Amino acid sequence: MAGGFFGAQLASAGEAVVFIARGEHLKAIRTSGLRVETPAGEIAISPAQATDDPAEVTDVDAVLLGVKAWQVQEAARAMRPAIGPETFVVPLQNGVDAASELSAVVGSEHVLGGLCGTLSSVVAPGRIRTIEGPNYIKFGELDNRRSDRTAQLQEAFRKTGVTVEIPPEIHKALWEKFLIITSFGGVGAVTRAPIGAMRARPETRRLLSDV
């Protein structure tokens, strides 16, 4: 969902975006475009460029990788033919391992550290819904230096409705989000309750604040 949401934001702002999808989702995007429902209205990207084979995409400046954490290595191998000399990849997974997993396949010079926040889900093929809440993306060089490519991507996102930041220490930012995710995940596993229910009860709210 994250890749589709942030890709649609960039496409809506005039950037050239190719969506990597599969199955009915891909078929719908090719047929009628990608639509993102937001509290402020609908974003429609039509026509939208889409494929299920990253190797078909050439002249790529940046890749926003929105697969699940356990799919990163497989995705890295699939995208390797599309990685040119100046291409860089921004992983958006929860956790702290994605950048190193990508580096092992495509080379560390092609990888940034990255994370995001969006409450989005695929509600139908070719349709993503995001609810009220923070929509942000953070990324940076793995050695925390400032670079032209991070500045250019930051400028591209500034044209969208997404909050964009280059943290002074990207690894610290990754760990900060990971600690939040693990606290909610741990309490959710113990209580077998969704986030809304956990926050609504004083007992589980206390567990979250104590983690």
C-alpha atoms as a PDB file:
ATOM      1  CA  MET A   1       0.000   0.000   0.000  1.00  0.00           C
ATOM      2  CA  ALA A   2       2.780   2.434   0.868  1.00  0.00           C
ATOM      3  CA  GLY A   3       4.358   2.231  -2.571  1.00  0.00           C
ATOM      4  CA  GLY A   4       1.047   2.868  -4.292  1.00  0.00           C
ATOM      5  CA  PHE A   5       0.121   5.732  -1.977  1.00  0.00           C
ATOM      6  CA  PHE A   6       3.431   7.600  -2.198  1.00  0.00           C
ATOM      7  CA  GLY A   7       3.838   6.825  -5.895  1.00  0.00           C
ATOM      8  CA  ALA A   8       0.395   8.278  -6.582  1.00  0.00           C
ATOM      9  CA  GLN A   9       1.307  11.427  -4.663  1.00  0.00           C
ATOM     10  CA  LEU A  10       4.407  11.900  -6.824  1.00  0.00           C
ATOM     11  CA  ALA A  11       2.530  11.143 -10.039  1.00  0.00           C
ATOM     12  CA  SER A  12      -0.192  13.614  -9.079  1.00  0.00           C
ATOM     13  CA  ALA A  13       2.521  16.262  -8.596  1.00  0.00           C
ATOM     14  CA  GLY A  14       3.789  15.687 -12.137  1.00  0.00           C
ATOM     15  CA  GLU A  15       6.594  13.164 -11.608  1.00  0.00           C
ATOM     16  CA  ALA A  16       6.965  10.234 -14.012  1.00  0.00           C
ATOM     17  CA  VAL A  17       6.074   7.123 -11.998  1.00  0.00           C
ATOM     18  CA  VAL A  18       5.893   3.450 -12.962  1.00  0.00           C
ATOM     19  CA  PHE A  19       3.914   1.261 -10.554  1.00  0.00           C
ATOM     20  CA  ILE A  20       4.981  -2.329  -9.931  1.00  0.00           C
ATOM     21  CA  ALA A  21       1.910  -4.431  -9.196  1.00  0.00           C
ATOM     22  CA  ARG A  22       0.482  -7.858  -9.924  1.00  0.00           C
ATOM     23  CA  GLY A  23      -2.737  -9.790 -10.427  1.00  0.00           C
ATOM     24  CA  GLU A  24      -6.076  -7.996 -10.380  1.00  0.00           C
ATOM     25  CA  HIS A  25      -4.497  -4.883  -8.908  1.00  0.00           C
ATOM     26  CA  LEU A  26      -2.195  -4.573 -11.930  1.00  0.00           C
ATOM     27  CA  LYS A  27      -5.033  -5.294 -14.359  1.00  0.00           C
ATOM     28  CA  ALA A  28      -7.191  -2.560 -12.812  1.00  0.00           C
ATOM     29  CA  ILE A  29      -4.382  -0.004 -12.850  1.00  0.00           C
ATOM     30  CA  ARG A  30      -3.675  -0.724 -16.519  1.00  0.00           C
ATOM     31  CA  THR A  31      -7.362  -0.575 -17.421  1.00  0.00           C
ATOM     32  CA  SER A  32      -8.666   2.402 -15.463  1.00  0.00           C
ATOM     33  CA  GLY A  33      -5.695   3.877 -13.592  1.00  0.00           C
ATOM     34  CA  LEU A  34      -4.856   4.065  -9.893  1.00  0.00           C
ATOM     35  CA  ARG A  35      -7.209   5.838  -7.511  1.00  0.00           C
ATOM     36  CA  VAL A  36      -6.399   6.911  -3.968  1.00  0.00           C
ATOM     37  CA  GLU A  37      -9.254   7.905  -1.662  1.00  0.00           C
ATOM     38  CA  THR A  38      -8.206  10.488   0.940  1.00  0.00           C
ATOM     39  CA  PRO A  39     -10.176  12.593   3.438  1.00  0.00           C
ATOM     40  CA  ALA A  40      -9.463  15.598   1.181  1.00  0.00           C
ATOM     41  CA  GLY A  41     -10.767  13.885  -1.950  1.00  0.00           C
ATOM     42  CA  GLU A  42      -9.738  11.362  -4.553  1.00  0.00           C
ATOM     43  CA  ILE A  43      -6.441  11.290  -6.432  1.00  0.00           C
ATOM     44  CA  ALA A  44      -6.797   9.687  -9.856  1.00  0.00           C
ATOM     45  CA  ILE A  45      -3.729   8.650 -11.843  1.00  0.00           C
ATOM     46  CA  SER A  46      -5.070   7.780 -15.275  1.00  0.00           C
ATOM     47  CA  PRO A  47      -3.539   6.612 -17.442  1.00  0.00           C
ATOM     48  CA  ALA A  48      -0.974   5.020 -15.143  1.00  0.00           C
ATOM     49  CA  GLN A  49       2.148   3.162 -16.176  1.00  0.00           C
ATOM     50  CA  ALA A  50       2.307  -0.238 -14.502  1.00  0.00           C
ATOM     51  CA  THR A  51       4.028  -3.591 -14.874  1.00  0.00           C
ATOM     52  CA  ASP A  52       4.658  -6.756 -12.881  1.00  0.00           C
ATOM     53  CA  ASP A  53       8.269  -7.020 -14.066  1.00  0.00           C
ATOM     54  CA  PRO A  54      10.748  -4.438 -12.684  1.00  0.00           C
ATOM     55  CA  ALA A  55      13.258  -5.495 -15.352  1.00  0.00           C
ATOM     56  CA  GLU A  56      11.014  -3.866 -17.973  1.00  0.00           C
ATOM     57  CA  VAL A  57      11.577  -0.437 -16.410  1.00  0.00           C
ATOM     58  CA  THR A  58      14.602   1.539 -17.599  1.00  0.00           C
ATOM     59  CA  ASP A  59      16.128   4.946 -16.839  1.00  0.00           C
ATOM     60  CA  VAL A  60      15.054   4.773 -13.205  1.00  0.00           C
ATOM     61  CA  ASP A  61      16.079   7.623 -10.913  1.00  0.00           C
ATOM     62  CA  ALA A  62      14.606   6.294  -7.667  1.00  0.00           C
ATOM     63  CA  VAL A  63      12.788   3.195  -6.462  1.00  0.00           C
ATOM     64  CA  LEU A  64      10.353   3.379  -3.540  1.00  0.00           C
ATOM     65  CA  LEU A  65      10.228  -0.153  -2.172  1.00  0.00           C
ATOM     66  CA  GLY A  66       6.911  -0.815  -0.446  1.00  0.00           C
ATOM     67  CA  VAL A  67       6.849  -4.611  -0.128  1.00  0.00           C
ATOM     68  CA  LYS A  68       6.650  -6.436   3.199  1.00  0.00           C
ATOM     69  CA  ALA A  69       9.871  -6.897   5.168  1.00  0.00           C
ATOM     70  CA  TRP A  70      10.156 -10.611   4.346  1.00  0.00           C
ATOM     71  CA  GLN A  71       9.895  -9.822   0.612  1.00  0.00           C
ATOM     72  CA  VAL A  72      12.811  -7.374   0.429  1.00  0.00           C
ATOM     73  CA  GLN A  73      15.474  -9.814  -0.777  1.00  0.00           C
ATOM     74  CA  GLU A  74      13.212 -11.268  -3.469  1.00  0.00           C
ATOM     75  CA  ALA A  75      12.252  -7.758  -4.617  1.00  0.00           C
ATOM     76  CA  ALA A  76      15.910  -6.729  -4.683  1.00  0.00           C
ATOM     77  CA  ARG A  77      16.786  -9.604  -7.019  1.00  0.00           C
ATOM     78  CA  ALA A  78      13.822  -8.769  -9.270  1.00  0.00           C
ATOM     79  CA  MET A  79      14.730  -5.087  -9.557  1.00  0.00           C
ATOM     80  CA  ARG A  80      18.468  -5.591 -10.090  1.00  0.00           C
ATOM     81  CA  PRO A  81      18.250  -5.381 -13.932  1.00  0.00           C
ATOM     82  CA  ALA A  82      16.535  -1.982 -13.600  1.00  0.00           C
ATOM     83  CA  ILE A  83      19.265  -0.482 -11.396  1.00  0.00           C
ATOM     84  CA  GLY A  84      21.370   1.914 -13.437  1.00  0.00           C
ATOM     85  CA  PRO A  85      24.571   3.717 -12.404  1.00  0.00           C
ATOM     86  CA  GLU A  86      22.648   6.576 -10.734  1.00  0.00           C
ATOM     87  CA  THR A  87      19.584   4.686  -9.493  1.00  0.00           C
ATOM     88  CA  PHE A  88      18.906   4.585  -5.765  1.00  0.00           C
ATOM     89  CA  VAL A  89      16.404   2.612  -3.713  1.00  0.00           C
ATOM     90  CA  VAL A  90      14.432   3.892  -0.717  1.00  0.00           C
ATOM     91  CA  PRO A  91      13.111   1.025   1.457  1.00  0.00           C
ATOM     92  CA  LEU A  92       9.937   1.871   3.370  1.00  0.00           C
ATOM     93  CA  GLN A  93       9.582  -1.255   5.525  1.00  0.00           C
ATOM     94  CA  ASN A  94       9.191  -1.335   9.282  1.00  0.00           C
ATOM     95  CA  GLY A  95      12.346  -2.621  10.933  1.00  0.00           C
ATOM     96  CA  VAL A  96      16.044  -1.906  10.530  1.00  0.00           C
ATOM     97  CA  ASP A  97      17.305  -4.615   8.153  1.00  0.00           C
ATOM     98  CA  ALA A  98      15.955  -3.588   4.744  1.00  0.00           C
ATOM     99  CA  ALA A  99      18.843  -1.314   3.745  1.00  0.00           C
ATOM    100  CA  SER A 100      21.480  -3.944   4.484  1.00  0.00           C
ATOM    101  CA  GLU A 101      19.476  -6.645   2.677  1.00  0.00           C
ATOM    102  CA  LEU A 102      19.161  -4.414  -0.374  1.00  0.00           C
ATOM    103  CA  SER A 103      22.844  -3.458  -0.244  1.00  0.00           C
ATOM    104  CA  ALA A 104      23.847  -7.121  -0.381  1.00  0.00           C
ATOM    105  CA  VAL A 105      22.034  -7.506  -3.708  1.00  0.00           C
ATOM    106  CA  VAL A 106      22.228  -4.165  -5.544  1.00  0.00           C
ATOM    107  CA  GLY A 107      25.216  -2.531  -3.811  1.00  0.00           C
ATOM    108  CA  SER A 108      25.242  -0.093  -0.908  1.00  0.00           C
ATOM    109  CA  GLU A 109      25.913   2.858  -3.241  1.00  0.00           C
ATOM    110  CA  HIS A 110      22.376   2.383  -4.591  1.00  0.00           C
ATOM    111  CA  VAL A 111      20.609   2.304  -1.217  1.00  0.00           C
ATOM    112  CA  LEU A 112      19.268   4.923   1.191  1.00  0.00           C
ATOM    113  CA  GLY A 113      17.756   4.402   4.601  1.00  0.00           C
ATOM    114  CA  GLY A 114      14.035   5.089   4.632  1.00  0.00           C
ATOM    115  CA  LEU A 115      10.766   4.837   6.518  1.00  0.00           C
ATOM    116  CA  CYS A 116       7.246   6.105   6.155  1.00  0.00           C
ATOM    117  CA  GLY A 117       3.924   6.498   7.869  1.00  0.00           C
ATOM    118  CA  THR A 118       0.498   6.179   6.265  1.00  0.00           C
ATOM    119  CA  LEU A 119      -2.763   4.547   7.300  1.00  0.00           C
ATOM    120  CA  SER A 120      -3.602   3.158   3.876  1.00  0.00           C
ATOM    121  CA  SER A 121      -5.010  -0.072   2.498  1.00  0.00           C
ATOM    122  CA  VAL A 122      -6.025  -1.569  -0.839  1.00  0.00           C
ATOM    123  CA  VAL A 123      -9.838  -1.652  -0.741  1.00  0.00           C
ATOM    124  CA  ALA A 124     -10.329  -2.927  -4.299  1.00  0.00           C
ATOM    125  CA  PRO A 125      -8.144  -3.614  -7.327  1.00  0.00           C
ATOM    126  CA  GLY A 126      -6.683  -0.304  -8.455  1.00  0.00           C
ATOM    127  CA  ARG A 127      -8.066   1.552  -5.437  1.00  0.00           C
ATOM    128  CA  ILE A 128      -6.255   2.593  -2.251  1.00  0.00           C
ATOM    129  CA  ARG A 129      -7.917   4.269   0.732  1.00  0.00           C
ATOM    130  CA  THR A 130      -6.088   6.341   3.316  1.00  0.00           C
ATOM    131  CA  ILE A 131      -7.748   7.607   6.484  1.00  0.00           C
ATOM    132  CA  GLU A 132      -7.104  10.720   8.528  1.00  0.00           C
ATOM    133  CA  GLY A 133      -3.648  10.679  10.054  1.00  0.00           C
ATOM    134  CA  PRO A 134      -0.009  11.483   9.378  1.00  0.00           C
ATOM    135  CA  ASN A 135       1.347  10.760   5.922  1.00  0.00           C
ATOM    136  CA  TYR A 136       5.091  11.173   5.996  1.00  0.00           C
ATOM    137  CA  ILE A 137       8.279   9.848   4.476  1.00  0.00           C
ATOM    138  CA  LYS A 138      11.822  10.074   5.825  1.00  0.00           C
ATOM    139  CA  PHE A 139      15.009   9.057   4.078  1.00  0.00           C
ATOM    140  CA  GLY A 140      18.730   9.735   4.108  1.00  0.00           C
ATOM    141  CA  GLU A 141      22.138   8.497   3.092  1.00  0.00           C
ATOM    142  CA  LEU A 142      23.335   5.568   5.179  1.00  0.00           C
ATOM    143  CA  ASP A 143      26.345   7.611   6.344  1.00  0.00           C
ATOM    144  CA  ASN A 144      24.078  10.623   7.107  1.00  0.00           C
ATOM    145  CA  ARG A 145      25.843  12.918   4.640  1.00  0.00           C
ATOM    146  CA  ARG A 146      23.840  15.415   2.643  1.00  0.00           C
ATOM    147  CA  SER A 147      23.628  14.584  -1.045  1.00  0.00           C
ATOM    148  CA  ASP A 148      22.147  15.938  -4.244  1.00  0.00           C
ATOM    149  CA  ARG A 149      19.964  12.878  -4.731  1.00  0.00           C
ATOM    150  CA  THR A 150      18.289  13.129  -1.328  1.00  0.00           C
ATOM    151  CA  ALA A 151      17.760  16.854  -1.862  1.00  0.00           C
ATOM    152  CA  GLN A 152      16.167  16.224  -5.263  1.00  0.00           C
ATOM    153  CA  LEU A 153      13.821  13.563  -3.892  1.00  0.00           C
ATOM    154  CA  GLN A 154      12.923  15.812  -0.977  1.00  0.00           C
ATOM    155  CA  GLU A 155      12.043  18.595  -3.416  1.00  0.00           C
ATOM    156  CA  ALA A 156       9.872  16.210  -5.445  1.00  0.00           C
ATOM    157  CA  PHE A 157       7.901  15.277  -2.319  1.00  0.00           C
ATOM    158  CA  ARG A 158       7.518  18.896  -1.289  1.00  0.00           C
ATOM    159  CA  LYS A 159       5.193  19.304  -4.286  1.00  0.00           C
ATOM    160  CA  THR A 160       2.850  16.693  -2.796  1.00  0.00           C
ATOM    161  CA  GLY A 161       0.695  16.586   0.322  1.00  0.00           C
ATOM    162  CA  VAL A 162       3.215  14.346   2.067  1.00  0.00           C
ATOM    163  CA  THR A 163       5.416  15.512   4.924  1.00  0.00           C
ATOM    164  CA  VAL A 164       9.033  14.840   3.930  1.00  0.00           C
ATOM    165  CA  GLU A 165      12.145  14.892   6.103  1.00  0.00           C
ATOM    166  CA  ILE A 166      15.829  14.049   5.849  1.00  0.00           C
ATOM    167  CA  PRO A 167      16.690  13.166   9.465  1.00  0.00           C
ATOM    168  CA  PRO A 168      20.162  14.113  10.722  1.00  0.00           C
ATOM    169  CA  GLU A 169      20.635  10.429  11.731  1.00  0.00           C
ATOM    170  CA  ILE A 170      18.640   8.019   9.572  1.00  0.00           C
ATOM    171  CA  HIS A 171      19.508   4.930  11.631  1.00  0.00           C
ATOM    172  CA  LYS A 172      18.214   6.604  14.788  1.00  0.00           C
ATOM    173  CA  ALA A 173      14.968   7.456  12.977  1.00  0.00           C
ATOM    174  CA  LEU A 174      14.608   3.829  11.863  1.00  0.00           C
ATOM    175  CA  TRP A 175      15.085   2.516  15.393  1.00  0.00           C
ATOM    176  CA  GLU A 176      12.670   5.086  16.854  1.00  0.00           C
ATOM    177  CA  LYS A 177       9.889   3.898  14.556  1.00  0.00           C
ATOM    178  CA  PHE A 178      10.800   0.248  15.095  1.00  0.00           C
ATOM    179  CA  LEU A 179      10.440   0.642  18.869  1.00  0.00           C
ATOM    180  CA  ILE A 180       6.965   2.124  18.398  1.00  0.00           C
ATOM    181  CA  ILE A 181       5.932  -0.702  16.065  1.00  0.00           C
ATOM    182  CA  THR A 182       7.227  -3.423  18.390  1.00  0.00           C
ATOM    183  CA  SER A 183       5.434  -1.956  21.397  1.00  0.00           C
ATOM    184  CA  PHE A 184       2.075  -1.928  19.598  1.00  0.00           C
ATOM    185  CA  GLY A 185       2.762  -5.322  18.039  1.00  0.00           C
ATOM    186  CA  GLY A 186       3.712  -6.910  21.350  1.00  0.00           C
ATOM    187  CA  VAL A 187       0.687  -5.607  23.210  1.00  0.00           C
ATOM    188  CA  GLY A 188      -1.533  -6.526  20.265  1.00  0.00           C
ATOM    189  CA  ALA A 189      -0.209 -10.089  20.259  1.00  0.00           C
ATOM    190  CA  VAL A 190      -0.807 -10.480  23.998  1.00  0.00           C
ATOM    191  CA  THR A 191      -4.281  -8.925  24.015  1.00  0.00           C
ATOM    192  CA  ARG A 192      -5.368 -10.093  20.535  1.00  0.00           C
ATOM    193  CA  ALA A 193      -6.886  -6.656  20.026  1.00  0.00           C
ATOM    194  CA  PRO A 194      -6.571  -4.033  17.272  1.00  0.00           C
ATOM    195  CA  ILE A 195      -4.949  -0.656  17.912  1.00  0.00           C
ATOM    196  CA  GLY A 196      -8.248   1.175  18.398  1.00  0.00           C
ATOM    197  CA  ALA A 197      -9.391  -1.228  21.098  1.00  0.00           C
ATOM    198  CA  MET A 198      -6.003  -1.140  22.836  1.00  0.00           C
ATOM    199  CA  ARG A 199      -5.978   2.645  22.983  1.00  0.00           C
ATOM    200  CA  ALA A 200      -9.583   2.811  24.190  1.00  0.00           C
ATOM    201  CA  ARG A 201      -8.943   0.783  27.352  1.00  0.00           C
ATOM    202  CA  PRO A 202      -6.936   2.307  30.241  1.00  0.00           C
ATOM    203  CA  GLU A 203      -5.279  -1.039  31.014  1.00  0.00           C
ATOM    204  CA  THR A 204      -3.842  -1.569  27.542  1.00  0.00           C
ATOM    205  CA  ARG A 205      -3.030   2.112  27.103  1.00  0.00           C
ATOM    206  CA  ARG A 206      -0.935   1.763  30.252  1.00  0.00           C
ATOM    207  CA  LEU A 207       0.869  -1.243  28.787  1.00  0.00           C
ATOM    208  CA  LEU A 208       1.760   0.768  25.687  1.00  0.00           C
ATOM    209  CA  SER A 209       3.075   3.701  27.695  1.00  0.00           C
ATOM    210  CA  ASP A 210       5.181   1.401  29.889  1.00  0.00           C
ATOM    211  CA  VAL A 211       6.926  -0.387  27.006  1.00  0.00           C
END
